[in-house]
Protein backbone atom coordinates (compact mmCIF):
# COMPACT_ATOMS: atom_id res chain seq x y z
CA MET A 1 40.36 135.93 -38.30
CA SER A 2 41.85 135.57 -34.80
CA SER A 3 40.50 138.98 -33.76
CA ARG A 4 36.95 137.95 -34.79
CA LYS A 5 37.25 134.79 -32.67
CA ALA A 6 38.49 136.82 -29.72
CA SER A 7 35.58 139.23 -30.07
CA ALA A 8 33.07 136.37 -30.22
CA GLY A 9 34.63 134.79 -27.13
CA LEU A 10 34.49 138.07 -25.26
CA ILE A 11 30.83 138.55 -26.14
CA ARG A 12 30.03 135.02 -24.93
CA ALA A 13 31.85 135.68 -21.65
CA ILE A 14 29.93 138.92 -21.12
CA ASN A 15 26.60 137.22 -21.83
CA ASP A 16 27.39 134.30 -19.54
CA ARG A 17 28.31 136.57 -16.64
CA LEU A 18 25.18 138.64 -17.18
CA ALA A 19 23.01 135.52 -16.97
CA LEU A 20 24.81 134.23 -13.87
CA ASP A 21 24.44 137.58 -12.10
CA LEU A 22 20.71 137.59 -12.85
CA MET A 23 20.33 134.08 -11.42
CA ILE A 24 22.12 135.16 -8.25
CA GLU A 25 20.00 138.28 -7.94
CA LEU A 26 16.61 136.78 -8.83
CA GLY A 27 16.97 133.09 -8.08
CA PRO A 28 15.97 130.37 -10.57
CA ILE A 29 14.96 131.90 -13.89
CA SER A 30 13.47 130.57 -17.13
CA ARG A 31 14.76 130.96 -20.68
CA ALA A 32 11.94 133.38 -21.46
CA GLN A 33 12.82 135.49 -18.43
CA LEU A 34 16.49 135.53 -19.44
CA VAL A 35 15.50 136.70 -22.93
CA GLU A 36 13.36 139.45 -21.43
CA ARG A 37 15.91 140.56 -18.83
CA THR A 38 19.01 140.46 -21.03
CA GLY A 39 17.56 141.51 -24.38
CA LEU A 40 19.41 138.61 -26.01
CA ALA A 41 17.93 136.51 -28.79
CA LYS A 42 16.34 133.16 -27.90
CA PRO A 43 19.03 131.09 -29.69
CA THR A 44 21.76 133.05 -27.88
CA VAL A 45 20.16 132.36 -24.50
CA ALA A 46 19.76 128.68 -25.36
CA GLU A 47 23.45 128.44 -26.28
CA LEU A 48 24.68 130.21 -23.13
CA LEU A 49 22.55 127.95 -20.93
CA GLU A 50 24.08 124.90 -22.59
CA ARG A 51 27.56 126.29 -21.95
CA LEU A 52 26.80 127.00 -18.30
CA LEU A 53 25.25 123.57 -17.77
CA GLU A 54 28.25 121.84 -19.33
CA ALA A 55 30.63 123.92 -17.18
CA GLY A 56 28.82 122.82 -14.02
CA LEU A 57 27.95 126.41 -13.06
CA VAL A 58 24.16 126.15 -13.28
CA THR A 59 21.55 123.42 -12.94
CA GLU A 60 17.92 122.89 -13.82
CA ALA A 61 15.91 124.08 -10.82
CA GLY A 62 12.32 123.16 -11.72
CA GLN A 63 9.39 124.43 -13.76
CA ALA A 64 8.41 128.07 -14.33
CA GLY A 65 4.69 127.44 -13.74
CA GLU A 66 2.08 124.79 -13.18
CA GLY A 67 0.68 123.08 -16.23
CA ARG A 68 3.61 124.06 -18.43
CA SER A 69 6.16 121.70 -19.96
CA GLY A 70 9.05 121.73 -22.37
CA PRO A 71 12.34 123.66 -22.53
CA ASN A 72 10.72 127.07 -22.13
CA ALA A 73 9.13 126.06 -18.81
CA ARG A 74 12.36 124.94 -17.16
CA THR A 75 14.11 127.24 -14.72
CA TYR A 76 17.84 127.44 -14.14
CA GLY A 77 19.83 128.50 -11.11
CA VAL A 78 23.46 128.71 -10.10
CA ILE A 79 24.92 125.75 -8.21
CA ALA A 80 25.15 127.36 -4.78
CA ASP A 81 27.69 125.01 -3.23
CA ARG A 82 30.13 125.32 -6.14
CA ALA A 83 32.19 127.64 -3.89
CA HIS A 84 32.14 129.03 -0.35
CA VAL A 85 33.72 132.09 1.20
CA ALA A 86 34.18 133.46 4.72
CA GLY A 87 33.81 136.96 6.11
CA VAL A 88 35.31 137.90 9.48
CA GLU A 89 35.02 140.90 11.77
CA LEU A 90 37.83 141.22 14.30
CA ARG A 91 37.04 143.32 17.37
CA ALA A 92 38.91 143.94 20.61
CA THR A 93 36.40 141.77 22.51
CA GLU A 94 34.99 139.34 19.90
CA VAL A 95 35.66 137.68 16.57
CA HIS A 96 32.65 137.11 14.31
CA ALA A 97 32.88 134.78 11.31
CA VAL A 98 30.33 133.88 8.62
CA VAL A 99 30.58 131.30 5.83
CA ALA A 100 28.42 131.84 2.73
CA ASP A 101 27.83 129.95 -0.51
CA ILE A 102 28.32 131.47 -3.94
CA THR A 103 24.83 133.04 -3.85
CA GLY A 104 25.65 134.85 -0.59
CA ARG A 105 23.40 132.66 1.55
CA THR A 106 24.80 132.19 5.06
CA ALA A 107 25.73 128.56 5.65
CA GLY A 108 27.45 128.84 9.05
CA ALA A 109 28.45 131.41 11.66
CA ALA A 110 30.56 131.62 14.81
CA VAL A 111 31.42 134.11 17.55
CA ILE A 112 34.49 133.80 19.78
CA VAL A 113 34.97 136.00 22.84
CA THR A 114 38.50 137.38 23.15
CA ARG A 115 40.74 138.45 25.98
CA PRO A 116 43.42 141.19 25.85
CA LYS A 117 46.38 138.80 25.65
CA ASP A 118 44.86 136.37 23.12
CA ASN A 119 46.62 135.83 19.81
CA SER A 120 44.45 137.47 17.16
CA ILE A 121 45.77 135.19 14.40
CA LEU A 122 44.68 132.05 16.20
CA LEU A 123 41.34 133.57 17.15
CA VAL A 124 40.50 134.37 13.53
CA ARG A 125 41.64 130.89 12.46
CA ASP A 126 39.45 129.22 15.08
CA ALA A 127 36.41 131.40 14.28
CA VAL A 128 36.67 130.59 10.55
CA ALA A 129 37.09 126.88 11.29
CA GLU A 130 34.05 126.87 13.59
CA ALA A 131 31.86 128.71 11.08
CA ALA A 132 32.96 126.33 8.33
CA SER A 133 32.19 123.33 10.55
CA LYS A 134 28.69 124.63 11.22
CA ALA A 135 28.24 124.81 7.45
CA GLY A 136 29.31 121.18 7.13
CA LEU A 137 32.64 122.22 5.61
CA THR A 138 36.30 122.52 6.49
CA VAL A 139 38.60 125.51 6.02
CA ASP A 140 40.00 123.74 2.94
CA ASP A 141 36.59 124.11 1.28
CA LEU A 142 36.75 127.92 1.40
CA ARG A 143 37.92 129.85 -1.66
CA CYS A 144 38.52 133.22 0.01
CA VAL A 145 38.52 134.77 3.50
CA VAL A 146 38.09 138.54 3.97
CA VAL A 147 38.86 139.96 7.42
CA GLY A 148 37.41 143.29 8.52
CA THR A 149 39.75 144.94 10.97
CA PRO A 150 40.11 148.20 12.88
CA GLY A 151 43.15 150.25 11.98
CA ILE A 152 44.96 150.99 8.74
CA VAL A 153 45.61 148.37 6.04
CA ASP A 154 48.55 149.14 3.75
CA PRO A 155 47.13 149.12 0.18
CA ALA A 156 50.55 148.28 -1.26
CA THR A 157 51.01 145.06 0.74
CA GLY A 158 47.50 144.29 2.02
CA ASP A 159 49.01 143.86 5.49
CA MET A 160 48.32 145.75 8.71
CA ALA A 161 50.03 149.11 9.00
CA PHE A 162 48.53 150.32 12.30
CA SER A 163 45.94 149.19 14.84
CA SER A 164 45.69 150.82 18.26
CA ASP A 165 42.91 148.53 19.50
CA LEU A 166 44.69 145.22 18.83
CA PRO A 167 48.38 145.16 19.88
CA SER A 168 48.90 141.60 18.54
CA TRP A 169 47.47 142.60 15.15
CA HIS A 170 50.44 144.13 13.35
CA HIS A 171 52.59 144.04 10.24
CA GLY A 172 53.19 140.41 9.32
CA SER A 173 49.73 139.27 10.44
CA LEU A 174 48.57 138.68 6.86
CA THR A 175 51.36 136.23 6.11
CA GLN A 176 50.81 134.44 9.42
CA LEU A 177 47.07 134.06 8.87
CA ARG A 178 47.55 132.82 5.32
CA GLU A 179 49.93 130.17 6.66
CA GLU A 180 47.42 129.15 9.34
CA LEU A 181 44.44 128.90 6.97
CA ARG A 182 46.28 127.96 3.77
CA ARG A 183 43.65 129.99 1.93
CA GLN A 184 43.42 133.28 0.05
CA VAL A 185 43.10 135.90 2.82
CA VAL A 186 42.38 139.61 2.38
CA PHE A 187 42.50 142.31 5.06
CA GLU A 188 40.26 145.37 4.76
CA ASN A 189 39.47 148.24 7.10
CA GLU A 190 36.14 147.61 8.83
CA VAL A 191 34.62 150.98 7.87
CA ASN A 192 35.56 150.42 4.23
CA LEU A 193 33.69 147.10 4.33
CA SER A 194 30.62 148.82 5.77
CA ALA A 195 30.84 151.33 2.91
CA LEU A 196 31.08 148.49 0.39
CA ALA A 197 27.97 146.86 1.86
CA GLU A 198 26.12 150.18 1.76
CA HIS A 199 27.19 150.65 -1.86
CA LEU A 200 26.05 147.21 -3.03
CA VAL A 201 22.96 146.48 -0.93
CA GLY A 202 22.25 149.52 1.27
CA ALA A 203 21.34 153.18 1.28
CA ALA A 204 23.99 154.12 -1.33
CA ARG A 205 23.14 151.35 -3.77
CA ASP A 206 24.04 152.30 -7.35
CA ARG A 207 25.47 155.69 -6.31
CA ASP A 208 28.91 156.53 -7.67
CA ASP A 209 29.77 159.07 -4.95
CA PHE A 210 29.06 158.96 -1.22
CA ALA A 211 30.71 158.89 2.20
CA LEU A 212 29.84 156.53 5.01
CA LEU A 213 30.44 158.07 8.44
CA THR A 214 30.54 155.70 11.39
CA LEU A 215 30.02 157.32 14.79
CA GLY A 216 30.51 155.04 17.77
CA SER A 217 33.29 154.23 20.22
CA GLY A 218 35.47 155.11 17.26
CA VAL A 219 34.82 157.56 14.43
CA GLY A 220 35.76 156.73 10.85
CA MET A 221 34.75 157.18 7.24
CA GLY A 222 34.52 155.05 4.13
CA LEU A 223 34.71 156.99 0.88
CA VAL A 224 33.39 155.91 -2.52
CA LEU A 225 34.12 158.23 -5.45
CA GLY A 226 33.54 157.39 -9.09
CA GLY A 227 32.10 154.04 -7.99
CA ARG A 228 35.36 152.97 -6.34
CA LEU A 229 36.36 152.62 -2.72
CA ARG A 230 39.15 155.11 -1.99
CA ARG A 231 41.81 154.03 0.50
CA GLY A 232 44.47 156.72 0.05
CA SER A 233 48.18 156.25 -0.67
CA GLY A 234 48.87 154.64 2.70
CA GLY A 235 45.44 153.25 3.54
CA GLY A 236 44.56 156.14 5.83
CA ALA A 237 41.80 157.79 3.82
CA GLY A 238 38.76 158.12 6.06
CA GLU A 239 40.55 158.36 9.40
CA VAL A 240 38.37 161.35 10.24
CA GLY A 241 38.46 160.66 13.97
CA TYR A 242 41.75 162.58 13.94
CA LEU A 243 40.27 165.70 12.29
CA PRO A 244 41.30 168.75 14.38
CA LEU A 245 37.97 170.58 14.40
CA HIS A 246 36.81 173.78 16.03
CA GLY A 247 35.41 172.88 19.44
CA ALA A 248 37.33 169.62 19.63
CA THR A 249 40.22 169.05 22.01
CA LEU A 250 43.55 169.17 20.19
CA GLN A 251 45.70 166.36 21.52
CA ARG A 252 48.76 164.39 20.51
CA ILE A 253 48.62 160.69 19.74
CA HIS A 254 50.03 158.53 22.53
CA ARG A 255 52.74 156.85 20.46
CA ARG A 256 53.16 153.74 22.56
CA SER A 257 49.47 152.84 22.83
CA GLY A 258 48.19 154.67 19.76
CA LEU A 259 45.38 156.16 21.84
CA TYR A 260 43.85 159.44 20.79
CA LYS A 261 41.06 161.24 22.62
CA GLY A 262 40.88 164.48 20.68
CA GLY A 263 39.68 165.58 17.26
CA PHE A 264 36.32 164.67 15.75
CA GLN A 265 36.27 161.40 17.72
CA GLY A 266 36.48 163.34 20.97
CA LEU A 267 33.63 165.53 19.77
CA ALA A 268 31.08 163.12 18.30
CA GLY A 269 32.01 159.59 19.40
CA SER A 270 29.75 157.66 21.76
CA ARG A 271 31.79 158.55 24.85
CA ALA A 272 31.62 162.22 23.95
CA VAL A 273 27.85 162.07 23.42
CA LEU A 274 27.33 160.36 26.79
CA ALA A 275 29.60 162.88 28.52
CA LEU A 276 27.65 165.73 26.92
CA ALA A 277 24.40 164.14 28.12
CA ARG A 278 25.68 164.23 31.69
CA GLU A 279 26.52 167.91 31.30
CA HIS A 280 22.92 168.51 30.26
CA ASP A 281 21.55 166.32 33.09
CA VAL A 282 20.18 163.80 30.63
CA ARG A 283 19.86 160.38 32.20
CA GLY A 284 20.63 157.21 30.28
CA ARG A 285 23.34 154.57 30.03
CA THR A 286 23.40 154.23 26.26
CA VAL A 287 23.46 156.57 23.29
CA PRO A 288 19.94 155.58 22.15
CA ASP A 289 18.70 156.36 25.69
CA VAL A 290 20.12 159.88 25.82
CA LEU A 291 19.15 160.76 22.25
CA ARG A 292 15.61 159.61 22.94
CA ASP A 293 15.24 161.44 26.26
CA GLY A 294 17.46 164.50 25.70
CA GLY A 295 16.14 168.04 25.60
CA GLN A 296 16.29 170.44 22.67
CA ASP A 297 19.54 172.13 23.76
CA PHE A 298 21.31 168.78 24.12
CA LEU A 299 20.09 167.48 20.75
CA ALA A 300 21.03 170.74 19.05
CA GLU A 301 24.58 170.48 20.38
CA VAL A 302 24.92 166.84 19.28
CA ALA A 303 23.67 167.78 15.80
CA GLY A 304 26.07 170.72 15.67
CA ARG A 305 29.04 168.55 16.58
CA ILE A 306 28.25 166.00 13.90
CA ALA A 307 27.62 168.74 11.34
CA VAL A 308 31.09 170.27 11.89
CA GLY A 309 32.74 166.98 10.94
CA ILE A 310 30.50 166.46 7.93
CA VAL A 311 31.27 169.95 6.63
CA ALA A 312 35.01 169.30 6.96
CA VAL A 313 34.68 166.11 4.91
CA CYS A 314 32.30 167.52 2.30
CA ALA A 315 34.36 170.66 1.76
CA VAL A 316 37.20 168.43 0.56
CA VAL A 317 35.49 165.62 -1.39
CA ASP A 318 31.83 166.77 -1.87
CA PRO A 319 30.27 163.26 -1.92
CA GLY A 320 26.68 164.55 -2.10
CA LEU A 321 25.42 161.77 0.17
CA VAL A 322 26.57 160.86 3.68
CA VAL A 323 25.38 157.60 5.24
CA LEU A 324 25.43 157.57 9.05
CA THR A 325 26.13 154.35 10.91
CA GLY A 326 27.68 153.13 14.16
CA GLU A 327 26.27 153.29 17.69
CA VAL A 328 25.59 157.02 17.36
CA GLY A 329 24.98 157.24 13.63
CA ARG A 330 22.30 154.53 13.37
CA VAL A 331 20.05 156.31 15.90
CA CYS A 332 20.51 159.77 14.38
CA GLY A 333 17.41 159.53 12.18
CA PRO A 334 15.43 162.10 14.21
CA LEU A 335 18.46 164.44 14.11
CA ILE A 336 19.03 164.35 10.36
CA ALA A 337 16.98 167.48 9.61
CA ARG A 338 18.87 169.36 12.34
CA ILE A 339 22.25 168.20 11.05
CA GLU A 340 21.42 169.07 7.43
CA ALA A 341 20.25 172.52 8.47
CA GLU A 342 23.46 173.08 10.43
CA VAL A 343 25.58 171.94 7.48
CA ALA A 344 23.70 174.37 5.22
CA GLU A 345 24.49 177.19 7.67
CA LEU A 346 28.21 176.35 7.73
CA ALA A 347 28.95 175.75 4.04
CA PRO A 348 27.36 176.24 0.58
CA LEU A 349 27.17 172.49 -0.01
CA ARG A 350 24.28 170.24 -0.98
CA VAL A 351 24.53 167.19 1.25
CA ARG A 352 21.85 164.58 1.82
CA LEU A 353 22.06 162.55 5.02
CA VAL A 354 20.58 159.09 5.56
CA THR A 355 21.07 156.34 8.12
CA SER A 356 22.40 152.92 7.17
CA ALA A 357 20.04 150.57 5.32
CA VAL A 358 22.20 147.44 5.67
CA GLU A 359 20.53 144.87 7.89
CA GLY A 360 22.60 143.17 10.56
CA ASN A 361 26.38 143.45 10.80
CA SER A 362 27.49 145.68 7.91
CA VAL A 363 31.19 144.82 8.37
CA LEU A 364 30.52 141.10 8.00
CA ARG A 365 28.16 141.77 5.11
CA GLY A 366 30.83 143.80 3.36
CA ALA A 367 33.48 141.15 4.02
CA VAL A 368 31.32 138.42 2.48
CA LEU A 369 30.44 140.62 -0.50
CA MET A 370 34.12 141.42 -1.15
CA ALA A 371 35.03 137.73 -0.99
CA LEU A 372 32.14 136.81 -3.28
CA GLU A 373 33.16 139.41 -5.87
CA ALA A 374 36.65 137.91 -6.03
CA VAL A 375 35.45 134.30 -6.24
CA ARG A 376 32.68 135.02 -8.75
CA ASP A 377 35.22 136.77 -10.98
CA GLU A 378 37.44 133.71 -10.68
CA LEU A 379 34.66 131.21 -11.45
CA TYR A 380 32.45 133.17 -13.82
CA GLY A 381 34.90 135.60 -15.38
CA PRO A 382 35.15 139.30 -14.45
CA ARG A 383 32.41 141.80 -15.17
CA ARG A 384 33.14 144.04 -18.14
């Protein structure tokens, strides 16, 4: 008898979460639309709506169409301000923070300019507080804060393991920030958050296997295999900037500063592309400038450099799809055919290349999405 009750309760929880996810995805929805979208019987949909209304998770949002009346014409939507989350991107020069409601709608945002000796903990705290204030909230109103950070996050502790760009951002920072905010705080590598955004709302949506390659002032990779973000045993999966590739300068890491100018980063990062442009007498101050105005020899060499790194990655994990992003990657659209052809010449691998399809700041978008997943699971019950 108890097992039958448990099974019935599990089925109700699954149905409720399915309905809530549809309301978040589609906006206010009618009973008839829920029946059509879920395949559930009309009485089952009526019961789950009653449960969700009583729990304070949804509300009546209006009528499905003009001239209609009665229960079947009513629409229902999630209560957006039932919970709020914050996403943060910490850079060497700026801190960006966004506060969103449970639907993912941005309610407030803030940007704080940083200086080299500033305390990163206090900067993140102040950015979150300002974004919350602009949303008409306080930090105490937030259910979860996810911080996108450069460097390596230890998957065992969730704390910082290494960050060359931010000397004040080190082991122990997670505990300190949790004490400052008195909220649930999660650290995640910035490239991993971009990969999460690409997986949920971007060019890799609904794909189980892909790699996101960010090419900019730094070079890194986010890896999704089997539908899961892969961080590695110590959080270092995707640190492809250190790949010792043919044609790249082989250097040692400067242990005190953590600086590294060799490897794939020294071959295909933004500084390397601009330096190569000067060698080819291509004028331009930015990467988009030189890629737009560069000659065929220059573009072929840039494509070849990127292809070498992609082959090295794909020969190990074979993701099938590589999404390019970052200052260099986002403007590589015209080079994709060249890069794919070069990859095909170097290895017997089928690899499709695309540029990022996430609008705006993909790190912030990923941070908000990660926070929302955690809070929705807490409020609505986990997906099954």
